[in-house]
PDB file of all heavy atoms in Angstrom:
ATOM      1  N   GLY A   1       0.822  -1.208   0.000  1.00  0.00           N
ATOM      2  CA  GLY A   1       0.000   0.000   0.000  1.00  0.00           C
ATOM      3  C   GLY A   1       0.851   1.251   0.000  1.00  0.00           C
ATOM      4  O   GLY A   1       1.432   1.646  -1.014  1.00  0.00           O
ATOM      5  N   ALA A   2       0.951   1.878   1.177  1.00  0.00           N
ATOM      6  CA  ALA A   2       1.696   3.139   1.295  1.00  0.00           C
ATOM      7  C   ALA A   2       3.158   2.974   0.921  1.00  0.00           C
ATOM      8  O   ALA A   2       3.803   3.923   0.450  1.00  0.00           O
ATOM      9  CB  ALA A   2       1.577   3.673   2.720  1.00  0.00           C
ATOM     10  N   GLY A   3       3.691   1.777   1.105  1.00  0.00           N
ATOM     11  CA  GLY A   3       5.094   1.547   0.806  1.00  0.00           C
ATOM     12  C   GLY A   3       5.446   1.630  -0.670  1.00  0.00           C
ATOM     13  O   GLY A   3       6.624   1.691  -1.031  1.00  0.00           O
ATOM     14  N   ARG A   4       4.454   1.648  -1.528  1.00  0.00           N
ATOM     15  CA  ARG A   4       4.724   1.765  -2.964  1.00  0.00           C
ATOM     16  C   ARG A   4       5.435   3.069  -3.296  1.00  0.00           C
ATOM     17  O   ARG A   4       6.183   3.159  -4.266  1.00  0.00           O
ATOM     18  CB  ARG A   4       3.425   1.666  -3.764  1.00  0.00           C
ATOM     19  CG  ARG A   4       2.874   0.259  -3.862  1.00  0.00           C
ATOM     20  CD  ARG A   4       1.681   0.191  -4.796  1.00  0.00           C
ATOM     21  NE  ARG A   4       1.247  -1.179  -4.984  1.00  0.00           N
ATOM     22  CZ  ARG A   4       1.755  -2.014  -5.877  1.00  0.00           C
ATOM     23  NH1 ARG A   4       2.750  -1.614  -6.655  1.00  0.00           N
ATOM     24  NH2 ARG A   4       1.298  -3.238  -5.998  1.00  0.00           N
ATOM     25  N   SER A   5       5.161   4.110  -2.504  1.00  0.00           N
ATOM     26  CA  SER A   5       5.785   5.410  -2.755  1.00  0.00           C
ATOM     27  C   SER A   5       7.035   5.637  -1.910  1.00  0.00           C
ATOM     28  O   SER A   5       7.634   6.713  -1.968  1.00  0.00           O
ATOM     29  CB  SER A   5       4.776   6.531  -2.474  1.00  0.00           C
ATOM     30  OG  SER A   5       4.376   6.496  -1.114  1.00  0.00           O
ATOM     31  N   ALA A   6       7.437   4.635  -1.133  1.00  0.00           N
ATOM     32  CA  ALA A   6       8.593   4.801  -0.244  1.00  0.00           C
ATOM     33  C   ALA A   6       9.887   4.871  -1.038  1.00  0.00           C
ATOM     34  O   ALA A   6      10.112   4.096  -1.968  1.00  0.00           O
ATOM     35  CB  ALA A   6       8.658   3.648   0.748  1.00  0.00           C
ATOM     36  N   GLN A   7      10.740   5.808  -0.662  1.00  0.00           N
ATOM     37  CA  GLN A   7      12.088   5.858  -1.204  1.00  0.00           C
ATOM     38  C   GLN A   7      12.962   4.899  -0.401  1.00  0.00           C
ATOM     39  O   GLN A   7      12.838   4.822   0.819  1.00  0.00           O
ATOM     40  CB  GLN A   7      12.649   7.278  -1.099  1.00  0.00           C
ATOM     41  CG  GLN A   7      11.903   8.293  -1.946  1.00  0.00           C
ATOM     42  CD  GLN A   7      11.984   7.955  -3.431  1.00  0.00           C
ATOM     43  OE1 GLN A   7      13.070   7.750  -3.971  1.00  0.00           O
ATOM     44  NE2 GLN A   7      10.829   7.884  -4.084  1.00  0.00           N
ATOM     45  N   PRO A   8      13.852   4.142  -1.053  1.00  0.00           N
ATOM     46  CA  PRO A   8      14.624   3.130  -0.331  1.00  0.00           C
ATOM     47  C   PRO A   8      15.540   3.748   0.709  1.00  0.00           C
ATOM     48  O   PRO A   8      16.080   4.841   0.525  1.00  0.00           O
ATOM     49  CB  PRO A   8      15.424   2.437  -1.431  1.00  0.00           C
ATOM     50  CG  PRO A   8      15.447   3.395  -2.572  1.00  0.00           C
ATOM     51  CD  PRO A   8      14.170   4.162  -2.497  1.00  0.00           C
ATOM     52  N   VAL A   9      15.700   3.026   1.813  1.00  0.00           N
ATOM     53  CA  VAL A   9      16.637   3.434   2.870  1.00  0.00           C
ATOM     54  C   VAL A   9      17.900   2.589   2.833  1.00  0.00           C
ATOM     55  O   VAL A   9      18.799   2.762   3.653  1.00  0.00           O
ATOM     56  CB  VAL A   9      15.967   3.339   4.258  1.00  0.00           C
ATOM     57  CG1 VAL A   9      14.806   4.306   4.353  1.00  0.00           C
ATOM     58  CG2 VAL A   9      15.517   1.902   4.564  1.00  0.00           C
ATOM     59  N   GLY A  10      17.961   1.651   1.914  1.00  0.00           N
ATOM     60  CA  GLY A  10      19.118   0.779   1.784  1.00  0.00           C
ATOM     61  C   GLY A  10      18.870  -0.222   0.678  1.00  0.00           C
ATOM     62  O   GLY A  10      17.857  -0.141  -0.027  1.00  0.00           O
ATOM     63  N   MET A  11      19.786  -1.166   0.523  1.00  0.00           N
ATOM     64  CA  MET A  11      19.684  -2.168  -0.531  1.00  0.00           C
ATOM     65  C   MET A  11      20.071  -3.544   0.004  1.00  0.00           C
ATOM     66  O   MET A  11      20.918  -3.660   0.894  1.00  0.00           O
ATOM     67  CB  MET A  11      20.621  -1.828  -1.692  1.00  0.00           C
ATOM     68  CG  MET A  11      20.274  -0.577  -2.466  1.00  0.00           C
ATOM     69  SD  MET A  11      18.751  -0.726  -3.435  1.00  0.00           S
ATOM     70  CE  MET A  11      19.172  -2.017  -4.590  1.00  0.00           C
ATOM     71  N   LEU A  12      19.460  -4.570  -0.552  1.00  0.00           N
ATOM     72  CA  LEU A  12      19.949  -5.928  -0.367  1.00  0.00           C
ATOM     73  C   LEU A  12      21.096  -6.112  -1.350  1.00  0.00           C
ATOM     74  O   LEU A  12      20.900  -6.045  -2.561  1.00  0.00           O
ATOM     75  CB  LEU A  12      18.842  -6.951  -0.644  1.00  0.00           C
ATOM     76  CG  LEU A  12      17.596  -6.873   0.236  1.00  0.00           C
ATOM     77  CD1 LEU A  12      16.578  -7.924  -0.211  1.00  0.00           C
ATOM     78  CD2 LEU A  12      17.950  -7.059   1.708  1.00  0.00           C
ATOM     79  N   VAL A  13      22.299  -6.304  -0.830  1.00  0.00           N
ATOM     80  CA  VAL A  13      23.475  -6.363  -1.700  1.00  0.00           C
ATOM     81  C   VAL A  13      23.437  -7.620  -2.553  1.00  0.00           C
ATOM     82  O   VAL A  13      22.822  -8.623  -2.198  1.00  0.00           O
ATOM     83  CB  VAL A  13      24.776  -6.299  -0.889  1.00  0.00           C
ATOM     84  CG1 VAL A  13      24.897  -4.971  -0.170  1.00  0.00           C
ATOM     85  CG2 VAL A  13      24.860  -7.465   0.099  1.00  0.00           C
ATOM     86  N   GLU A  14      24.120  -7.537  -3.683  1.00  0.00           N
ATOM     87  CA  GLU A  14      24.209  -8.688  -4.575  1.00  0.00           C
ATOM     88  C   GLU A  14      25.292  -9.643  -4.083  1.00  0.00           C
ATOM     89  O   GLU A  14      26.276  -9.215  -3.466  1.00  0.00           O
ATOM     90  CB  GLU A  14      24.534  -8.224  -5.995  1.00  0.00           C
ATOM     91  CG  GLU A  14      23.585  -7.175  -6.539  1.00  0.00           C
ATOM     92  CD  GLU A  14      22.150  -7.640  -6.602  1.00  0.00           C
ATOM     93  OE1 GLU A  14      21.918  -8.873  -6.520  1.00  0.00           O
ATOM     94  OE2 GLU A  14      21.260  -6.799  -6.728  1.00  0.00           O
ATOM     95  N   PRO A  15      25.151 -10.927  -4.349  1.00  0.00           N
ATOM     96  CA  PRO A  15      26.169 -11.883  -3.908  1.00  0.00           C
ATOM     97  C   PRO A  15      27.444 -11.761  -4.701  1.00  0.00           C
ATOM     98  O   PRO A  15      27.471 -11.172  -5.784  1.00  0.00           O
ATOM     99  CB  PRO A  15      25.495 -13.243  -4.152  1.00  0.00           C
ATOM    100  CG  PRO A  15      24.515 -12.979  -5.249  1.00  0.00           C
ATOM    101  CD  PRO A  15      24.017 -11.577  -5.019  1.00  0.00           C
ATOM    102  N   GLY A  16      28.532 -12.295  -4.153  1.00  0.00           N
ATOM    103  CA  GLY A  16      29.774 -12.376  -4.890  1.00  0.00           C
ATOM    104  C   GLY A  16      30.747 -11.279  -4.553  1.00  0.00           C
ATOM    105  O   GLY A  16      30.873 -10.857  -3.410  1.00  0.00           O
ATOM    106  N   GLY A  17      31.413 -10.746  -5.581  1.00  0.00           N
ATOM    107  CA  GLY A  17      32.553  -9.875  -5.367  1.00  0.00           C
ATOM    108  C   GLY A  17      32.250  -8.428  -5.130  1.00  0.00           C
ATOM    109  O   GLY A  17      33.151  -7.648  -4.863  1.00  0.00           O
ATOM    110  N   THR A  18      30.969  -8.000  -5.245  1.00  0.00           N
ATOM    111  CA  THR A  18      30.659  -6.599  -5.031  1.00  0.00           C
ATOM    112  C   THR A  18      30.891  -6.223  -3.581  1.00  0.00           C
ATOM    113  O   THR A  18      30.470  -6.928  -2.681  1.00  0.00           O
ATOM    114  CB  THR A  18      29.193  -6.311  -5.397  1.00  0.00           C
ATOM    115  OG1 THR A  18      28.979  -6.677  -6.753  1.00  0.00           O
ATOM    116  CG2 THR A  18      28.856  -4.843  -5.224  1.00  0.00           C
ATOM    117  N   ASN A  19      31.530  -5.103  -3.323  1.00  0.00           N
ATOM    118  CA  ASN A  19      31.754  -4.637  -1.954  1.00  0.00           C
ATOM    119  C   ASN A  19      30.421  -4.366  -1.282  1.00  0.00           C
ATOM    120  O   ASN A  19      29.641  -3.559  -1.746  1.00  0.00           O
ATOM    121  CB  ASN A  19      32.607  -3.359  -1.985  1.00  0.00           C
ATOM    122  CG  ASN A  19      33.047  -2.937  -0.603  1.00  0.00           C
ATOM    123  OD1 ASN A  19      32.300  -3.033   0.360  1.00  0.00           O
ATOM    124  ND2 ASN A  19      34.276  -2.469  -0.502  1.00  0.00           N
ATOM    125  N   GLY A  20      30.151  -5.067  -0.168  1.00  0.00           N
ATOM    126  CA  GLY A  20      28.855  -4.969   0.483  1.00  0.00           C
ATOM    127  C   GLY A  20      28.551  -3.593   1.017  1.00  0.00           C
ATOM    128  O   GLY A  20      27.391  -3.257   1.219  1.00  0.00           O
ATOM    129  N   SER A  21      29.563  -2.753   1.296  1.00  0.00           N
ATOM    130  CA  SER A  21      29.289  -1.433   1.834  1.00  0.00           C
ATOM    131  C   SER A  21      28.866  -0.450   0.747  1.00  0.00           C
ATOM    132  O   SER A  21      28.431   0.643   1.027  1.00  0.00           O
ATOM    133  CB  SER A  21      30.532  -0.893   2.558  1.00  0.00           C
ATOM    134  OG  SER A  21      31.597  -0.739   1.647  1.00  0.00           O
ATOM    135  N   ARG A  22      29.047  -0.834  -0.520  1.00  0.00           N
ATOM    136  CA  ARG A  22      28.629   0.017  -1.628  1.00  0.00           C
ATOM    137  C   ARG A  22      27.810  -0.830  -2.588  1.00  0.00           C
ATOM    138  O   ARG A  22      28.271  -1.214  -3.658  1.00  0.00           O
ATOM    139  CB  ARG A  22      29.849   0.619  -2.329  1.00  0.00           C
ATOM    140  CG  ARG A  22      30.595   1.616  -1.475  1.00  0.00           C
ATOM    141  CD  ARG A  22      31.804   2.183  -2.166  1.00  0.00           C
ATOM    142  NE  ARG A  22      32.858   1.175  -2.285  1.00  0.00           N
ATOM    143  CZ  ARG A  22      33.516   0.938  -3.426  1.00  0.00           C
ATOM    144  NH1 ARG A  22      33.226   1.602  -4.500  1.00  0.00           N
ATOM    145  NH2 ARG A  22      34.458   0.023  -3.457  1.00  0.00           N
ATOM    146  N   PRO A  23      26.561  -1.172  -2.225  1.00  0.00           N
ATOM    147  CA  PRO A  23      25.785  -2.127  -3.008  1.00  0.00           C
ATOM    148  C   PRO A  23      25.367  -1.570  -4.358  1.00  0.00           C
ATOM    149  O   PRO A  23      25.202  -0.377  -4.533  1.00  0.00           O
ATOM    150  CB  PRO A  23      24.546  -2.363  -2.126  1.00  0.00           C
ATOM    151  CG  PRO A  23      24.418  -1.108  -1.342  1.00  0.00           C
ATOM    152  CD  PRO A  23      25.824  -0.645  -1.080  1.00  0.00           C
ATOM    153  N   THR A  24      25.174  -2.468  -5.314  1.00  0.00           N
ATOM    154  CA  THR A  24      24.617  -2.060  -6.580  1.00  0.00           C
ATOM    155  C   THR A  24      23.147  -1.759  -6.407  1.00  0.00           C
ATOM    156  O   THR A  24      22.497  -2.246  -5.488  1.00  0.00           O
ATOM    157  CB  THR A  24      24.778  -3.179  -7.623  1.00  0.00           C
ATOM    158  OG1 THR A  24      24.106  -4.354  -7.141  1.00  0.00           O
ATOM    159  CG2 THR A  24      26.242  -3.516  -7.853  1.00  0.00           C
ATOM    160  N   VAL A  25      22.579  -0.963  -7.322  1.00  0.00           N
ATOM    161  CA  VAL A  25      21.185  -0.567  -7.175  1.00  0.00           C
ATOM    162  C   VAL A  25      20.312  -1.158  -8.275  1.00  0.00           C
ATOM    163  O   VAL A  25      19.111  -0.968  -8.274  1.00  0.00           O
ATOM    164  CB  VAL A  25      21.049   0.972  -7.189  1.00  0.00           C
ATOM    165  CG1 VAL A  25      21.717   1.574  -5.982  1.00  0.00           C
ATOM    166  CG2 VAL A  25      21.635   1.572  -8.468  1.00  0.00           C
ATOM    167  N   SER A  26      20.901  -1.857  -9.225  1.00  0.00           N
ATOM    168  CA  SER A  26      20.112  -2.417 -10.315  1.00  0.00           C
ATOM    169  C   SER A  26      19.469  -3.721  -9.887  1.00  0.00           C
ATOM    170  O   SER A  26      19.987  -4.437  -9.038  1.00  0.00           O
ATOM    171  CB  SER A  26      21.010  -2.663 -11.531  1.00  0.00           C
ATOM    172  OG  SER A  26      22.072  -3.530 -11.195  1.00  0.00           O
ATOM    173  N   PRO A  27      18.295  -4.079 -10.478  1.00  0.00           N
ATOM    174  CA  PRO A  27      17.655  -5.360 -10.146  1.00  0.00           C
ATOM    175  C   PRO A  27      18.554  -6.529 -10.529  1.00  0.00           C
ATOM    176  O   PRO A  27      19.406  -6.424 -11.410  1.00  0.00           O
ATOM    177  CB  PRO A  27      16.375  -5.339 -11.001  1.00  0.00           C
ATOM    178  CG  PRO A  27      16.167  -3.908 -11.355  1.00  0.00           C
ATOM    179  CD  PRO A  27      17.529  -3.283 -11.420  1.00  0.00           C
ATOM    180  N   VAL A  28      18.341  -7.657  -9.851  1.00  0.00           N
ATOM    181  CA  VAL A  28      19.121  -8.860 -10.144  1.00  0.00           C
ATOM    182  C   VAL A  28      18.476  -9.591 -11.308  1.00  0.00           C
ATOM    183  O   VAL A  28      17.300  -9.944 -11.238  1.00  0.00           O
ATOM    184  CB  VAL A  28      19.138  -9.804  -8.927  1.00  0.00           C
ATOM    185  CG1 VAL A  28      20.088 -10.955  -9.173  1.00  0.00           C
ATOM    186  CG2 VAL A  28      19.526  -9.045  -7.682  1.00  0.00           C
ATOM    187  N   PRO A  29      19.189  -9.829 -12.412  1.00  0.00           N
ATOM    188  CA  PRO A  29      18.618 -10.629 -13.496  1.00  0.00           C
ATOM    189  C   PRO A  29      18.254 -12.010 -12.994  1.00  0.00           C
ATOM    190  O   PRO A  29      18.940 -12.578 -12.159  1.00  0.00           O
ATOM    191  CB  PRO A  29      19.756 -10.691 -14.535  1.00  0.00           C
ATOM    192  CG  PRO A  29      20.663  -9.547 -14.195  1.00  0.00           C
ATOM    193  CD  PRO A  29      20.545  -9.372 -12.705  1.00  0.00           C
ATOM    194  N   GLU A  30      17.174 -12.574 -13.544  1.00  0.00           N
ATOM    195  CA  GLU A  30      16.704 -13.876 -13.075  1.00  0.00           C
ATOM    196  C   GLU A  30      17.792 -14.941 -13.206  1.00  0.00           C
ATOM    197  O   GLU A  30      17.945 -15.786 -12.361  1.00  0.00           O
ATOM    198  CB  GLU A  30      15.456 -14.303 -13.859  1.00  0.00           C
ATOM    199  CG  GLU A  30      14.211 -13.541 -13.443  1.00  0.00           C
ATOM    200  CD  GLU A  30      13.880 -13.772 -11.979  1.00  0.00           C
ATOM    201  OE1 GLU A  30      13.986 -14.915 -11.510  1.00  0.00           O
ATOM    202  OE2 GLU A  30      13.508 -12.806 -11.306  1.00  0.00           O
ATOM    203  N   GLY A  31      18.550 -14.902 -14.310  1.00  0.00           N
ATOM    204  CA  GLY A  31      19.590 -15.902 -14.498  1.00  0.00           C
ATOM    205  C   GLY A  31      20.650 -15.836 -13.427  1.00  0.00           C
ATOM    206  O   GLY A  31      21.158 -16.840 -12.959  1.00  0.00           O
ATOM    207  N   ARG A  32      20.973 -14.609 -12.981  1.00  0.00           N
ATOM    208  CA  ARG A  32      21.994 -14.451 -11.954  1.00  0.00           C
ATOM    209  C   ARG A  32      21.487 -14.952 -10.614  1.00  0.00           C
ATOM    210  O   ARG A  32      22.211 -15.534  -9.839  1.00  0.00           O
ATOM    211  CB  ARG A  32      22.399 -12.981 -11.853  1.00  0.00           C
ATOM    212  CG  ARG A  32      23.510 -12.739 -10.853  1.00  0.00           C
ATOM    213  CD  ARG A  32      23.964 -11.310 -10.919  1.00  0.00           C
ATOM    214  NE  ARG A  32      24.948 -11.029  -9.886  1.00  0.00           N
ATOM    215  CZ  ARG A  32      25.402  -9.815  -9.623  1.00  0.00           C
ATOM    216  NH1 ARG A  32      24.991  -8.789 -10.321  1.00  0.00           N
ATOM    217  NH2 ARG A  32      26.286  -9.624  -8.667  1.00  0.00           N
ATOM    218  N   GLN A  33      20.194 -14.713 -10.339  1.00  0.00           N
ATOM    219  CA  GLN A  33      19.615 -15.212  -9.088  1.00  0.00           C
ATOM    220  C   GLN A  33      19.673 -16.727  -9.047  1.00  0.00           C
ATOM    221  O   GLN A  33      20.042 -17.321  -8.049  1.00  0.00           O
ATOM    222  CB  GLN A  33      18.174 -14.748  -8.938  1.00  0.00           C
ATOM    223  CG  GLN A  33      18.044 -13.278  -8.594  1.00  0.00           C
ATOM    224  CD  GLN A  33      16.605 -12.885  -8.392  1.00  0.00           C
ATOM    225  OE1 GLN A  33      15.703 -13.677  -8.600  1.00  0.00           O
ATOM    226  NE2 GLN A  33      16.387 -11.657  -7.999  1.00  0.00           N
ATOM    227  N   ALA A  34      19.283 -17.360 -10.156  1.00  0.00           N
ATOM    228  CA  ALA A  34      19.285 -18.819 -10.183  1.00  0.00           C
ATOM    229  C   ALA A  34      20.702 -19.354 -10.036  1.00  0.00           C
ATOM    230  O   ALA A  34      20.948 -20.329  -9.350  1.00  0.00           O
ATOM    231  CB  ALA A  34      18.660 -19.310 -11.487  1.00  0.00           C
ATOM    232  N   HIS A  35      21.678 -18.671 -10.687  1.00  0.00           N
ATOM    233  CA  HIS A  35      23.071 -19.120 -10.573  1.00  0.00           C
ATOM    234  C   HIS A  35      23.565 -18.994  -9.141  1.00  0.00           C
ATOM    235  O   HIS A  35      24.194 -19.891  -8.609  1.00  0.00           O
ATOM    236  CB  HIS A  35      23.945 -18.282 -11.501  1.00  0.00           C
ATOM    237  CG  HIS A  35      25.408 -18.578 -11.346  1.00  0.00           C
ATOM    238  ND1 HIS A  35      25.977 -19.714 -11.843  1.00  0.00           N
ATOM    239  CD2 HIS A  35      26.400 -17.894 -10.717  1.00  0.00           C
ATOM    240  CE1 HIS A  35      27.264 -19.728 -11.556  1.00  0.00           C
ATOM    241  NE2 HIS A  35      27.551 -18.630 -10.870  1.00  0.00           N
ATOM    242  N   ALA A  36      23.209 -17.877  -8.487  1.00  0.00           N
ATOM    243  CA  ALA A  36      23.648 -17.676  -7.105  1.00  0.00           C
ATOM    244  C   ALA A  36      23.079 -18.742  -6.198  1.00  0.00           C
ATOM    245  O   ALA A  36      23.730 -19.201  -5.274  1.00  0.00           O
ATOM    246  CB  ALA A  36      23.243 -16.291  -6.614  1.00  0.00           C
ATOM    247  N   ALA A  37      21.847 -19.171  -6.479  1.00  0.00           N
ATOM    248  CA  ALA A  37      21.203 -20.146  -5.609  1.00  0.00           C
ATOM    249  C   ALA A  37      21.790 -21.536  -5.781  1.00  0.00           C
ATOM    250  O   ALA A  37      21.671 -22.362  -4.906  1.00  0.00           O
ATOM    251  CB  ALA A  37      19.698 -20.178  -5.886  1.00  0.00           C
ATOM    252  N   THR A  38      22.406 -21.792  -6.955  1.00  0.00           N
ATOM    253  CA  THR A  38      22.902 -23.134  -7.196  1.00  0.00           C
ATOM    254  C   THR A  38      24.416 -23.221  -7.144  1.00  0.00           C
ATOM    255  O   THR A  38      24.977 -24.280  -7.333  1.00  0.00           O
ATOM    256  CB  THR A  38      22.435 -23.627  -8.581  1.00  0.00           C
ATOM    257  OG1 THR A  38      22.867 -22.689  -9.577  1.00  0.00           O
ATOM    258  CG2 THR A  38      20.930 -23.748  -8.629  1.00  0.00           C
ATOM    259  N   THR A  39      25.086 -22.096  -6.874  1.00  0.00           N
ATOM    260  CA  THR A  39      26.539 -22.120  -6.786  1.00  0.00           C
ATOM    261  C   THR A  39      26.967 -22.576  -5.407  1.00  0.00           C
ATOM    262  O   THR A  39      26.666 -21.923  -4.423  1.00  0.00           O
ATOM    263  CB  THR A  39      27.120 -20.724  -7.065  1.00  0.00           C
ATOM    264  OG1 THR A  39      26.711 -20.311  -8.360  1.00  0.00           O
ATOM    265  CG2 THR A  39      28.638 -20.751  -6.993  1.00  0.00           C
ATOM    266  N   PRO A  40      27.653 -23.706  -5.291  1.00  0.00           N
ATOM    267  CA  PRO A  40      28.047 -24.170  -3.957  1.00  0.00           C
ATOM    268  C   PRO A  40      29.110 -23.274  -3.373  1.00  0.00           C
ATOM    269  O   PRO A  40      29.974 -22.775  -4.092  1.00  0.00           O
ATOM    270  CB  PRO A  40      28.602 -25.580  -4.216  1.00  0.00           C
ATOM    271  CG  PRO A  40      29.029 -25.556  -5.644  1.00  0.00           C
ATOM    272  CD  PRO A  40      28.119 -24.598  -6.355  1.00  0.00           C
ATOM    273  N   PRO A  41      29.066 -23.035  -2.059  1.00  0.00           N
ATOM    274  CA  PRO A  41      30.046 -22.167  -1.427  1.00  0.00           C
ATOM    275  C   PRO A  41      31.383 -22.845  -1.240  1.00  0.00           C
ATOM    276  O   PRO A  41      31.495 -24.055  -1.257  1.00  0.00           O
ATOM    277  CB  PRO A  41      29.403 -21.860  -0.072  1.00  0.00           C
ATOM    278  CG  PRO A  41      28.594 -23.078   0.211  1.00  0.00           C
ATOM    279  CD  PRO A  41      28.095 -23.566  -1.133  1.00  0.00           C
ATOM    280  N   GLY A  42      32.404 -22.022  -1.026  1.00  0.00           N
ATOM    281  CA  GLY A  42      33.713 -22.549  -0.692  1.00  0.00           C
ATOM    282  C   GLY A  42      33.816 -22.795   0.788  1.00  0.00           C
ATOM    283  O   GLY A  42      32.850 -22.667   1.530  1.00  0.00           O
ATOM    284  N   PRO A  43      35.001 -23.121   1.291  1.00  0.00           N
ATOM    285  CA  PRO A  43      35.166 -23.442   2.709  1.00  0.00           C
ATOM    286  C   PRO A  43      34.937 -22.247   3.607  1.00  0.00           C
ATOM    287  O   PRO A  43      35.084 -21.109   3.207  1.00  0.00           O
ATOM    288  CB  PRO A  43      36.626 -23.910   2.786  1.00  0.00           C
ATOM    289  CG  PRO A  43      36.994 -24.276   1.396  1.00  0.00           C
ATOM    290  CD  PRO A  43      36.191 -23.381   0.509  1.00  0.00           C
TER     291      PRO A  43
END
């Protein structure tokens, strides 16, 4: 409802090498989301 007009106060950072303190602001492409979900983590 009212939140449709809300200006963002922050971002959910993208996974991987992007510095978390300076997040990207573009939407995550669907292919990248699926890849992130299926990429096994390291130690």
